[in-house]
Amino acid sequence: PQERFGGIDLVVNAVTARPRGTFGGGELAQAPPDVLEPYVHELLPAVLNVLRTATRALCQRGQGTIVQITGGSARRGMAGKGPWAAAAFATRALTQAAALEARERGVHVALLIVDATIESDKTTAFLEGKPPQASASELDVVAAVRYLEAQSPRGWTHELQITPRLDRWVP
């Protein structure tokens, strides 16, 4: 396939945990003992495997960009979303490690934090009645990925956050 299509230049990972019960895991005091299971046994291994294989492939080429996408909980814990935040924090740590390991080999690794609900078929009901500026569009996410991919090694961004104007922004 590489002979036919060329090498990989960009890897984007936006994997997330399968929803079970309350999004984010719910309140810790009420959480069942296995509340971390979808995050620790499904999400984090998936993130690790994408970062691991993408870093290996791009470092062999000596160039390319990896963008790992996660939610705003990578920056702060939120009530009712502690288990999700733990996984998002771990995703941030894995991405930072990959960035530090790949930099010297010419590979740009960045974390794109989408601190927003992304407007899509899955979120239509949740966003009903809210103005567009209360959510991010899929095109906003694509534009951020393109921005990260187009950067020169003289000015790589390793973390970028998208927050809609009408959503809560926490610096």
C-alpha atoms as a PDB file:
ATOM      1  CA  PRO A   1       0.000   0.000   0.000  1.00  0.00           C
ATOM      2  CA  GLN A   2       2.823   2.472   0.742  1.00  0.00           C
ATOM      3  CA  GLU A   3       4.171   2.078  -2.796  1.00  0.00           C
ATOM      4  CA  ARG A   4       0.727   2.850  -4.200  1.00  0.00           C
ATOM      5  CA  PHE A   5      -0.456   5.614  -1.856  1.00  0.00           C
ATOM      6  CA  GLY A   6       2.747   6.963  -0.313  1.00  0.00           C
ATOM      7  CA  GLY A   7       3.605   7.242   3.349  1.00  0.00           C
ATOM      8  CA  ILE A   8       1.511   8.439   6.245  1.00  0.00           C
ATOM      9  CA  ASP A   9       1.798  12.165   6.965  1.00  0.00           C
ATOM     10  CA  LEU A  10      -1.042  12.723   9.438  1.00  0.00           C
ATOM     11  CA  VAL A  11      -2.676  10.552  12.094  1.00  0.00           C
ATOM     12  CA  VAL A  12      -5.750  11.858  13.933  1.00  0.00           C
ATOM     13  CA  ASN A  13      -7.213   9.925  16.850  1.00  0.00           C
ATOM     14  CA  ALA A  14     -10.573  10.870  18.338  1.00  0.00           C
ATOM     15  CA  VAL A  15     -11.496   7.563  19.965  1.00  0.00           C
ATOM     16  CA  THR A  16     -13.724   7.733  23.036  1.00  0.00           C
ATOM     17  CA  ALA A  17     -15.156   5.316  25.580  1.00  0.00           C
ATOM     18  CA  ARG A  18     -18.435   3.531  24.942  1.00  0.00           C
ATOM     19  CA  PRO A  19     -21.145   5.305  26.893  1.00  0.00           C
ATOM     20  CA  ARG A  20     -22.381   3.384  29.928  1.00  0.00           C
ATOM     21  CA  GLY A  21     -24.780   4.950  32.347  1.00  0.00           C
ATOM     22  CA  THR A  22     -24.100   8.603  33.072  1.00  0.00           C
ATOM     23  CA  PHE A  23     -21.659  10.328  30.719  1.00  0.00           C
ATOM     24  CA  GLY A  24     -18.411  10.866  32.548  1.00  0.00           C
ATOM     25  CA  GLY A  25     -19.135   8.277  35.219  1.00  0.00           C
ATOM     26  CA  GLY A  26     -21.429  10.249  37.499  1.00  0.00           C
ATOM     27  CA  GLU A  27     -20.840  11.346  41.070  1.00  0.00           C
ATOM     28  CA  LEU A  28     -17.950   9.511  42.707  1.00  0.00           C
ATOM     29  CA  ALA A  29     -19.795   8.838  45.964  1.00  0.00           C
ATOM     30  CA  GLN A  30     -22.533   7.021  44.033  1.00  0.00           C
ATOM     31  CA  ALA A  31     -20.297   5.331  41.456  1.00  0.00           C
ATOM     32  CA  PRO A  32     -20.083   1.548  41.218  1.00  0.00           C
ATOM     33  CA  PRO A  33     -16.645  -0.021  41.837  1.00  0.00           C
ATOM     34  CA  ASP A  34     -16.177  -0.718  38.109  1.00  0.00           C
ATOM     35  CA  VAL A  35     -16.892   2.867  36.958  1.00  0.00           C
ATOM     36  CA  LEU A  36     -13.344   3.226  35.566  1.00  0.00           C
ATOM     37  CA  GLU A  37     -13.560   0.007  33.519  1.00  0.00           C
ATOM     38  CA  PRO A  38     -14.530   1.520  30.129  1.00  0.00           C
ATOM     39  CA  TYR A  39     -11.824   4.146  30.510  1.00  0.00           C
ATOM     40  CA  VAL A  40      -8.960   2.047  31.859  1.00  0.00           C
ATOM     41  CA  HIS A  41      -9.640  -1.168  29.933  1.00  0.00           C
ATOM     42  CA  GLU A  42     -10.954   0.248  26.642  1.00  0.00           C
ATOM     43  CA  LEU A  43     -10.210   3.933  26.060  1.00  0.00           C
ATOM     44  CA  LEU A  44      -6.657   4.215  27.389  1.00  0.00           C
ATOM     45  CA  PRO A  45      -5.356   1.086  25.627  1.00  0.00           C
ATOM     46  CA  ALA A  46      -6.879   2.391  22.375  1.00  0.00           C
ATOM     47  CA  VAL A  47      -5.221   5.807  22.824  1.00  0.00           C
ATOM     48  CA  LEU A  48      -1.913   4.150  23.718  1.00  0.00           C
ATOM     49  CA  ASN A  49      -2.023   1.847  20.686  1.00  0.00           C
ATOM     50  CA  VAL A  50      -2.727   4.675  18.251  1.00  0.00           C
ATOM     51  CA  LEU A  51       0.016   6.861  19.733  1.00  0.00           C
ATOM     52  CA  ARG A  52       2.439   3.924  19.868  1.00  0.00           C
ATOM     53  CA  THR A  53       1.935   2.729  16.303  1.00  0.00           C
ATOM     54  CA  ALA A  54       1.601   6.209  14.791  1.00  0.00           C
ATOM     55  CA  THR A  55       4.758   7.429  16.529  1.00  0.00           C
ATOM     56  CA  ARG A  56       6.664   4.380  15.343  1.00  0.00           C
ATOM     57  CA  ALA A  57       5.497   4.776  11.734  1.00  0.00           C
ATOM     58  CA  LEU A  58       6.106   8.518  11.503  1.00  0.00           C
ATOM     59  CA  CYS A  59       9.457   8.391  13.320  1.00  0.00           C
ATOM     60  CA  GLN A  60      10.631   5.833  10.744  1.00  0.00           C
ATOM     61  CA  ARG A  61       9.811   8.407   8.060  1.00  0.00           C
ATOM     62  CA  GLY A  62      11.310  11.258  10.098  1.00  0.00           C
ATOM     63  CA  GLN A  63       8.294  13.496   9.580  1.00  0.00           C
ATOM     64  CA  GLY A  64       4.571  13.840  10.078  1.00  0.00           C
ATOM     65  CA  THR A  65       1.961  14.947  12.573  1.00  0.00           C
ATOM     66  CA  ILE A  66      -0.126  13.114  15.149  1.00  0.00           C
ATOM     67  CA  VAL A  67      -3.174  14.857  16.618  1.00  0.00           C
ATOM     68  CA  GLN A  68      -4.799  13.229  19.635  1.00  0.00           C
ATOM     69  CA  ILE A  69      -8.244  14.686  20.346  1.00  0.00           C
ATOM     70  CA  THR A  70      -9.808  14.698  23.808  1.00  0.00           C
ATOM     71  CA  GLY A  71     -12.334  16.697  25.818  1.00  0.00           C
ATOM     72  CA  GLY A  72     -12.011  19.642  28.174  1.00  0.00           C
ATOM     73  CA  SER A  73     -11.686  17.312  31.136  1.00  0.00           C
ATOM     74  CA  ALA A  74      -8.039  16.878  30.123  1.00  0.00           C
ATOM     75  CA  ARG A  75      -7.491  20.297  31.731  1.00  0.00           C
ATOM     76  CA  ARG A  76      -9.671  20.009  34.840  1.00  0.00           C
ATOM     77  CA  GLY A  77     -11.858  17.612  36.736  1.00  0.00           C
ATOM     78  CA  MET A  78     -15.579  18.320  36.780  1.00  0.00           C
ATOM     79  CA  ALA A  79     -18.292  17.237  39.170  1.00  0.00           C
ATOM     80  CA  GLY A  80     -19.998  14.097  37.893  1.00  0.00           C
ATOM     81  CA  LYS A  81     -17.231  13.391  35.389  1.00  0.00           C
ATOM     82  CA  GLY A  82     -14.293  12.262  37.526  1.00  0.00           C
ATOM     83  CA  PRO A  83     -13.725   8.911  35.765  1.00  0.00           C
ATOM     84  CA  TRP A  84     -13.840  10.577  32.341  1.00  0.00           C
ATOM     85  CA  ALA A  85     -11.460  13.300  33.571  1.00  0.00           C
ATOM     86  CA  ALA A  86      -9.030  10.654  34.857  1.00  0.00           C
ATOM     87  CA  ALA A  87      -8.898   9.125  31.380  1.00  0.00           C
ATOM     88  CA  ALA A  88      -8.612  12.539  29.715  1.00  0.00           C
ATOM     89  CA  PHE A  89      -5.738  13.474  32.053  1.00  0.00           C
ATOM     90  CA  ALA A  90      -4.054  10.156  31.212  1.00  0.00           C
ATOM     91  CA  THR A  91      -4.600  10.824  27.487  1.00  0.00           C
ATOM     92  CA  ARG A  92      -2.901  14.179  27.951  1.00  0.00           C
ATOM     93  CA  ALA A  93       0.052  12.531  29.722  1.00  0.00           C
ATOM     94  CA  LEU A  94       0.437   9.875  27.013  1.00  0.00           C
ATOM     95  CA  THR A  95       0.304  12.548  24.304  1.00  0.00           C
ATOM     96  CA  GLN A  96       2.884  14.697  26.079  1.00  0.00           C
ATOM     97  CA  ALA A  97       5.207  11.682  26.400  1.00  0.00           C
ATOM     98  CA  ALA A  98       4.794  10.876  22.701  1.00  0.00           C
ATOM     99  CA  ALA A  99       5.480  14.530  21.794  1.00  0.00           C
ATOM    100  CA  LEU A 100       8.687  14.611  23.816  1.00  0.00           C
ATOM    101  CA  GLU A 101       9.868  11.286  22.390  1.00  0.00           C
ATOM    102  CA  ALA A 102       9.054  12.132  18.752  1.00  0.00           C
ATOM    103  CA  ARG A 103      10.256  15.761  18.550  1.00  0.00           C
ATOM    104  CA  GLU A 104      13.897  14.894  18.023  1.00  0.00           C
ATOM    105  CA  ARG A 105      12.894  12.534  15.203  1.00  0.00           C
ATOM    106  CA  GLY A 106      11.015  15.206  13.241  1.00  0.00           C
ATOM    107  CA  VAL A 107       7.478  14.210  14.285  1.00  0.00           C
ATOM    108  CA  HIS A 108       4.964  16.727  15.636  1.00  0.00           C
ATOM    109  CA  VAL A 109       2.578  15.316  18.261  1.00  0.00           C
ATOM    110  CA  ALA A 110      -0.228  17.563  19.524  1.00  0.00           C
ATOM    111  CA  LEU A 111      -3.199  17.292  21.845  1.00  0.00           C
ATOM    112  CA  LEU A 112      -6.353  18.980  20.589  1.00  0.00           C
ATOM    113  CA  ILE A 113      -8.667  19.648  23.523  1.00  0.00           C
ATOM    114  CA  VAL A 114     -12.230  20.182  22.347  1.00  0.00           C
ATOM    115  CA  ASP A 115     -13.803  21.768  25.404  1.00  0.00           C
ATOM    116  CA  ALA A 116     -17.257  21.664  23.901  1.00  0.00           C
ATOM    117  CA  THR A 117     -20.084  19.546  22.672  1.00  0.00           C
ATOM    118  CA  ILE A 118     -19.418  18.911  18.996  1.00  0.00           C
ATOM    119  CA  GLU A 119     -22.502  19.433  16.869  1.00  0.00           C
ATOM    120  CA  SER A 120     -23.305  16.157  15.121  1.00  0.00           C
ATOM    121  CA  ASP A 121     -26.121  13.667  14.605  1.00  0.00           C
ATOM    122  CA  LYS A 122     -25.301  12.204  18.046  1.00  0.00           C
ATOM    123  CA  THR A 123     -25.681  15.543  19.848  1.00  0.00           C
ATOM    124  CA  THR A 124     -28.737  17.020  18.081  1.00  0.00           C
ATOM    125  CA  ALA A 125     -31.146  16.400  20.972  1.00  0.00           C
ATOM    126  CA  PHE A 126     -28.682  17.709  23.576  1.00  0.00           C
ATOM    127  CA  LEU A 127     -28.091  20.929  21.621  1.00  0.00           C
ATOM    128  CA  GLU A 128     -31.738  21.540  20.714  1.00  0.00           C
ATOM    129  CA  GLY A 129     -32.710  25.150  21.370  1.00  0.00           C
ATOM    130  CA  LYS A 130     -29.135  26.296  21.947  1.00  0.00           C
ATOM    131  CA  PRO A 131     -27.465  28.824  19.657  1.00  0.00           C
ATOM    132  CA  PRO A 132     -24.651  27.561  17.412  1.00  0.00           C
ATOM    133  CA  GLN A 133     -22.048  29.524  19.423  1.00  0.00           C
ATOM    134  CA  ALA A 134     -22.738  27.209  22.401  1.00  0.00           C
ATOM    135  CA  SER A 135     -21.140  24.253  20.622  1.00  0.00           C
ATOM    136  CA  ALA A 136     -18.264  23.448  18.290  1.00  0.00           C
ATOM    137  CA  SER A 137     -18.861  22.326  14.747  1.00  0.00           C
ATOM    138  CA  GLU A 138     -17.127  19.364  13.172  1.00  0.00           C
ATOM    139  CA  LEU A 139     -15.605  21.893  10.748  1.00  0.00           C
ATOM    140  CA  ASP A 140     -14.061  23.782  13.697  1.00  0.00           C
ATOM    141  CA  VAL A 141     -12.323  20.575  14.753  1.00  0.00           C
ATOM    142  CA  VAL A 142     -11.136  19.879  11.201  1.00  0.00           C
ATOM    143  CA  ALA A 143      -9.777  23.438  10.915  1.00  0.00           C
ATOM    144  CA  ALA A 144      -7.839  23.007  14.172  1.00  0.00           C
ATOM    145  CA  VAL A 145      -6.361  19.714  12.943  1.00  0.00           C
ATOM    146  CA  ARG A 146      -5.347  21.369   9.663  1.00  0.00           C
ATOM    147  CA  TYR A 147      -3.735  24.226  11.593  1.00  0.00           C
ATOM    148  CA  LEU A 148      -1.692  21.814  13.705  1.00  0.00           C
ATOM    149  CA  GLU A 149      -0.692  19.724  10.687  1.00  0.00           C
ATOM    150  CA  ALA A 150       0.470  22.754   8.706  1.00  0.00           C
ATOM    151  CA  GLN A 151       2.854  24.094  11.361  1.00  0.00           C
ATOM    152  CA  SER A 152       6.554  24.438  10.750  1.00  0.00           C
ATOM    153  CA  PRO A 153       8.977  22.683  13.124  1.00  0.00           C
ATOM    154  CA  ARG A 154      10.081  26.197  14.094  1.00  0.00           C
ATOM    155  CA  GLY A 155       6.782  26.729  15.917  1.00  0.00           C
ATOM    156  CA  TRP A 156       4.942  23.555  16.847  1.00  0.00           C
ATOM    157  CA  THR A 157       1.883  23.805  19.078  1.00  0.00           C
ATOM    158  CA  HIS A 158       1.696  20.837  21.422  1.00  0.00           C
ATOM    159  CA  GLU A 159      -1.678  21.635  22.991  1.00  0.00           C
ATOM    160  CA  LEU A 160      -4.539  23.550  21.441  1.00  0.00           C
ATOM    161  CA  GLN A 161      -7.956  24.107  22.997  1.00  0.00           C
ATOM    162  CA  ILE A 162     -11.228  24.885  21.245  1.00  0.00           C
ATOM    163  CA  THR A 163     -13.979  26.465  23.350  1.00  0.00           C
ATOM    164  CA  PRO A 164     -17.153  27.950  21.818  1.00  0.00           C
ATOM    165  CA  ARG A 165     -17.852  31.580  22.635  1.00  0.00           C
ATOM    166  CA  LEU A 166     -21.024  30.838  24.627  1.00  0.00           C
ATOM    167  CA  ASP A 167     -19.623  27.846  26.508  1.00  0.00           C
ATOM    168  CA  ARG A 168     -17.827  28.157  29.833  1.00  0.00           C
ATOM    169  CA  TRP A 169     -14.130  28.845  29.304  1.00  0.00           C
ATOM    170  CA  VAL A 170     -11.704  28.081  32.085  1.00  0.00           C
ATOM    171  CA  PRO A 171      -8.141  29.360  31.536  1.00  0.00           C
END
